[in-house]
């Protein structure tokens, strides 16, 4: 295992819990977009840099440039469960402020696309005093889909002799080595280190 990086895109929709400006519109629906980059620090933990945009009702918005961490407490053959948190400076249509967000979700690995994973997420955002004319904090939530490419996991995927990733069928992939390259896999080869050619006996 070595330090690995990943990039991700989050897309979702949600709503405001409290208003982000003094005179909000009647509809609290919002859209969420996010970009993130992570660097693994150790198994299950990664440092994270995010750029999250909450497209709020009307002409308002909330943009967060966050620094945080991503935690994967459960990893399985099909994917993983994750939690993340980020905080940093934020901008709205009415002020520069400070904010943070919290997220959780599940990622499913794509068997035929090593390194790629996708899955659902839920996210909560909190922005301190996003409108200077008002003293309330802006709170919002969203649900959506998370798309991630893990550079290190793609590099560890099984490859054929040409260096291309091996295509998998279903959820399982079994690779039997052929040490002497004679076309007989090691589990059936009685002479694993003897290459094809003239031999003293048929075995």
Protein backbone atom coordinates (compact mmCIF):
# COMPACT_ATOMS: atom_id res chain seq x y z
CA UNK A 1 0.00 0.00 0.00
CA UNK A 2 1.21 3.53 -0.76
CA UNK A 3 -0.29 7.01 -0.71
CA UNK A 4 -2.91 7.38 -3.42
CA UNK A 5 -4.94 10.23 -4.86
CA UNK A 6 -8.48 10.51 -6.15
CA UNK A 7 -10.70 13.12 -7.78
CA UNK A 8 -14.46 13.29 -7.51
CA UNK A 9 -17.59 15.02 -8.75
CA UNK A 10 -20.80 15.34 -6.70
CA UNK A 11 -24.16 16.35 -8.19
CA UNK A 12 -27.39 16.66 -6.25
CA UNK A 13 -30.51 18.55 -5.25
CA UNK A 14 -31.96 19.55 -1.92
CA UNK A 15 -33.40 22.44 0.01
CA UNK A 16 -32.71 25.21 2.49
CA UNK A 17 -33.32 24.57 6.18
CA UNK A 18 -32.95 28.24 7.09
CA UNK A 19 -32.83 31.23 4.73
CA UNK A 20 -29.54 32.47 3.29
CA UNK A 21 -30.69 36.06 2.76
CA UNK A 22 -33.07 38.53 4.36
CA UNK A 23 -35.73 38.39 1.64
CA UNK A 24 -35.80 34.81 0.30
CA UNK A 25 -38.08 33.55 -2.41
CA UNK A 26 -41.05 31.27 -1.73
CA UNK A 27 -39.26 28.13 -2.96
CA UNK A 28 -36.44 26.57 -0.93
CA UNK A 29 -35.22 24.13 -3.59
CA UNK A 30 -31.51 24.19 -4.45
CA UNK A 31 -28.97 22.34 -6.59
CA UNK A 32 -25.56 21.19 -5.44
CA UNK A 33 -22.32 20.70 -7.37
CA UNK A 34 -18.97 19.75 -5.89
CA UNK A 35 -15.41 18.96 -6.89
CA UNK A 36 -12.95 17.25 -4.57
CA UNK A 37 -9.45 15.90 -4.48
CA UNK A 38 -8.13 13.51 -1.85
CA UNK A 39 -4.75 12.20 -0.77
CA UNK A 40 -4.65 9.06 1.37
CA UNK A 41 -2.87 9.56 4.69
CA UNK A 42 -3.33 5.99 5.96
CA UNK A 43 -5.81 3.19 5.54
CA UNK A 44 -9.30 4.65 5.78
CA UNK A 45 -8.25 8.30 6.14
CA UNK A 46 -7.54 10.91 3.46
CA UNK A 47 -6.90 14.64 3.38
CA UNK A 48 -9.45 16.41 1.21
CA UNK A 49 -9.72 19.70 -0.72
CA UNK A 50 -13.20 20.65 -1.92
CA UNK A 51 -14.97 23.28 -4.00
CA UNK A 52 -18.70 23.10 -3.25
CA UNK A 53 -21.38 25.28 -4.82
CA UNK A 54 -24.88 25.46 -3.40
CA UNK A 55 -27.14 26.99 -6.09
CA UNK A 56 -29.70 28.66 -3.83
CA UNK A 57 -33.20 29.88 -4.70
CA UNK A 58 -33.28 33.08 -6.73
CA UNK A 59 -30.02 34.82 -7.66
CA UNK A 60 -28.22 33.78 -4.46
CA UNK A 61 -25.51 31.13 -4.09
CA UNK A 62 -23.11 29.74 -1.49
CA UNK A 63 -19.60 28.77 -2.58
CA UNK A 64 -17.32 26.93 -0.13
CA UNK A 65 -13.60 26.33 -0.57
CA UNK A 66 -13.00 23.70 2.07
CA UNK A 67 -10.15 21.75 3.59
CA UNK A 68 -11.08 18.58 5.40
CA UNK A 69 -10.89 14.83 5.70
CA UNK A 70 -12.57 11.75 4.27
CA UNK A 71 -13.08 8.65 6.41
CA UNK A 72 -13.87 5.17 5.03
CA UNK A 73 -14.62 2.95 8.06
CA UNK A 74 -16.01 0.05 6.01
CA UNK A 75 -14.42 -1.31 2.82
CA UNK A 76 -15.75 -4.32 0.94
CA UNK A 77 -15.02 -6.13 -2.32
CA UNK A 78 -17.83 -4.16 -4.00
CA UNK A 79 -17.00 -0.71 -2.62
CA UNK A 80 -16.98 1.31 0.60
CA UNK A 81 -18.92 3.50 3.03
CA UNK A 82 -17.57 7.01 3.55
CA UNK A 83 -17.99 10.07 5.75
CA UNK A 84 -16.37 13.44 5.11
CA UNK A 85 -16.16 16.92 6.57
CA UNK A 86 -14.73 20.19 5.24
CA UNK A 87 -14.57 23.79 6.42
CA UNK A 88 -13.21 27.04 5.03
CA UNK A 89 -14.01 30.46 3.57
CA UNK A 90 -17.32 30.88 1.79
CA UNK A 91 -18.95 33.41 -0.51
CA UNK A 92 -22.65 34.18 -0.99
CA UNK A 93 -24.44 36.81 -3.03
CA UNK A 94 -24.44 39.10 0.03
CA UNK A 95 -21.26 38.46 2.04
CA UNK A 96 -17.93 36.70 2.50
CA UNK A 97 -18.23 34.38 5.44
CA UNK A 98 -17.14 31.02 6.85
CA UNK A 99 -18.82 27.64 6.48
CA UNK A 100 -18.55 23.90 6.75
CA UNK A 101 -20.28 20.84 5.39
CA UNK A 102 -20.70 17.20 6.37
CA UNK A 103 -21.34 14.30 4.03
CA UNK A 104 -21.92 10.55 4.03
CA UNK A 105 -22.52 7.97 1.34
CA UNK A 106 -21.75 4.66 -0.33
CA UNK A 107 -19.49 4.07 -3.33
CA UNK A 108 -19.81 1.03 -5.60
CA UNK A 109 -16.76 0.03 -7.67
CA UNK A 110 -17.34 -0.53 -11.39
CA UNK A 111 -15.89 -4.01 -12.19
CA UNK A 112 -15.14 -3.22 -15.84
CA UNK A 113 -13.67 0.25 -15.16
CA UNK A 114 -10.83 -0.09 -12.62
CA UNK A 115 -10.51 2.98 -10.42
CA UNK A 116 -14.03 4.30 -11.04
CA UNK A 117 -16.78 4.21 -8.43
CA UNK A 118 -20.18 5.82 -7.96
CA UNK A 119 -22.99 5.90 -5.45
CA UNK A 120 -25.45 8.00 -3.45
CA UNK A 121 -24.59 10.66 -0.87
CA UNK A 122 -26.32 12.97 1.59
CA UNK A 123 -24.79 16.32 2.56
CA UNK A 124 -25.42 19.09 5.11
CA UNK A 125 -24.04 22.63 4.83
CA UNK A 126 -23.79 25.42 7.43
CA UNK A 127 -22.81 29.01 6.53
CA UNK A 128 -22.27 31.59 9.28
CA UNK A 129 -24.22 34.81 8.74
CA UNK A 130 -24.45 34.58 4.91
CA UNK A 131 -26.29 37.94 4.68
CA UNK A 132 -24.81 40.91 6.59
CA UNK A 133 -28.31 42.40 6.89
CA UNK A 134 -29.36 39.37 8.95
CA UNK A 135 -27.76 37.51 11.88
CA UNK A 136 -29.07 34.04 11.01
CA UNK A 137 -26.92 31.18 9.74
CA UNK A 138 -27.75 29.59 6.41
CA UNK A 139 -28.40 25.84 6.59
CA UNK A 140 -29.04 23.47 3.69
CA UNK A 141 -29.14 19.79 2.74
CA UNK A 142 -28.80 17.81 -0.47
CA UNK A 143 -29.03 14.29 -1.88
CA UNK A 144 -27.30 13.13 -5.02
CA UNK A 145 -24.72 11.01 -6.78
CA UNK A 146 -20.98 10.82 -6.15
CA UNK A 147 -18.54 9.93 -8.97
CA UNK A 148 -14.90 9.16 -8.07
CA UNK A 149 -11.74 8.09 -9.90
CA UNK A 150 -9.07 6.50 -7.66
CA UNK A 151 -5.66 6.70 -9.33
CA UNK A 152 -3.99 4.22 -6.98
CA UNK A 153 -6.75 1.62 -7.21
CA UNK A 154 -6.68 1.78 -11.01
CA UNK A 155 -2.92 1.15 -10.97
CA UNK A 156 -3.43 -1.97 -8.83
CA UNK A 157 -6.05 -3.49 -11.16
CA UNK A 158 -5.02 -6.77 -12.84
CA UNK A 159 -3.52 -6.32 -16.33
CA UNK A 160 -2.88 -8.60 -19.29
CA UNK A 161 0.48 -8.97 -21.09
CA UNK A 162 -0.14 -5.78 -23.09
CA UNK A 163 -0.49 -3.73 -19.89
CA UNK A 164 -4.21 -3.11 -20.36
CA UNK A 165 -6.56 -3.69 -17.41
CA UNK A 166 -8.19 -7.12 -17.43
CA UNK A 167 -11.93 -7.02 -18.08
CA UNK A 168 -13.91 -8.69 -15.34
CA UNK A 169 -17.14 -10.61 -15.70
CA UNK A 170 -19.60 -10.12 -12.87
CA UNK A 171 -18.30 -9.42 -9.38
CA UNK A 172 -15.45 -11.96 -9.23
CA UNK A 173 -12.12 -12.21 -11.01
CA UNK A 174 -9.68 -15.09 -10.55
CA UNK A 175 -6.22 -14.94 -12.12
CA UNK A 176 -4.09 -18.14 -12.23
CA UNK A 177 -0.39 -17.45 -13.00
CA UNK A 178 1.61 -19.28 -15.66
CA UNK A 179 5.19 -19.08 -14.35
CA UNK A 180 6.95 -20.76 -17.30
CA UNK A 181 4.72 -19.20 -19.98
CA UNK A 182 3.94 -22.54 -21.64
CA UNK A 183 0.18 -21.98 -21.82
CA UNK A 184 -0.59 -24.34 -18.91
CA UNK A 185 -1.68 -22.56 -15.70
CA UNK A 186 0.33 -23.33 -12.58
CA UNK A 187 -2.53 -25.19 -10.91
CA UNK A 188 -2.45 -27.79 -13.74
CA UNK A 189 1.26 -27.65 -14.69
CA UNK A 190 3.41 -30.47 -13.23
CA UNK A 191 6.61 -28.56 -14.18
CA UNK A 192 5.82 -24.93 -13.34
CA UNK A 193 9.36 -23.72 -14.11
CA UNK A 194 9.94 -25.65 -17.37
CA UNK A 195 8.98 -23.67 -20.51
CA UNK A 196 7.50 -25.27 -23.63
CA UNK A 197 9.93 -27.33 -25.74
CA UNK A 198 11.71 -30.71 -25.81
CA UNK A 199 11.38 -32.52 -22.48
CA UNK A 200 12.51 -36.03 -21.32
CA UNK A 201 8.89 -37.10 -20.73
CA UNK A 202 5.37 -35.91 -21.73
CA UNK A 203 4.80 -34.31 -18.32
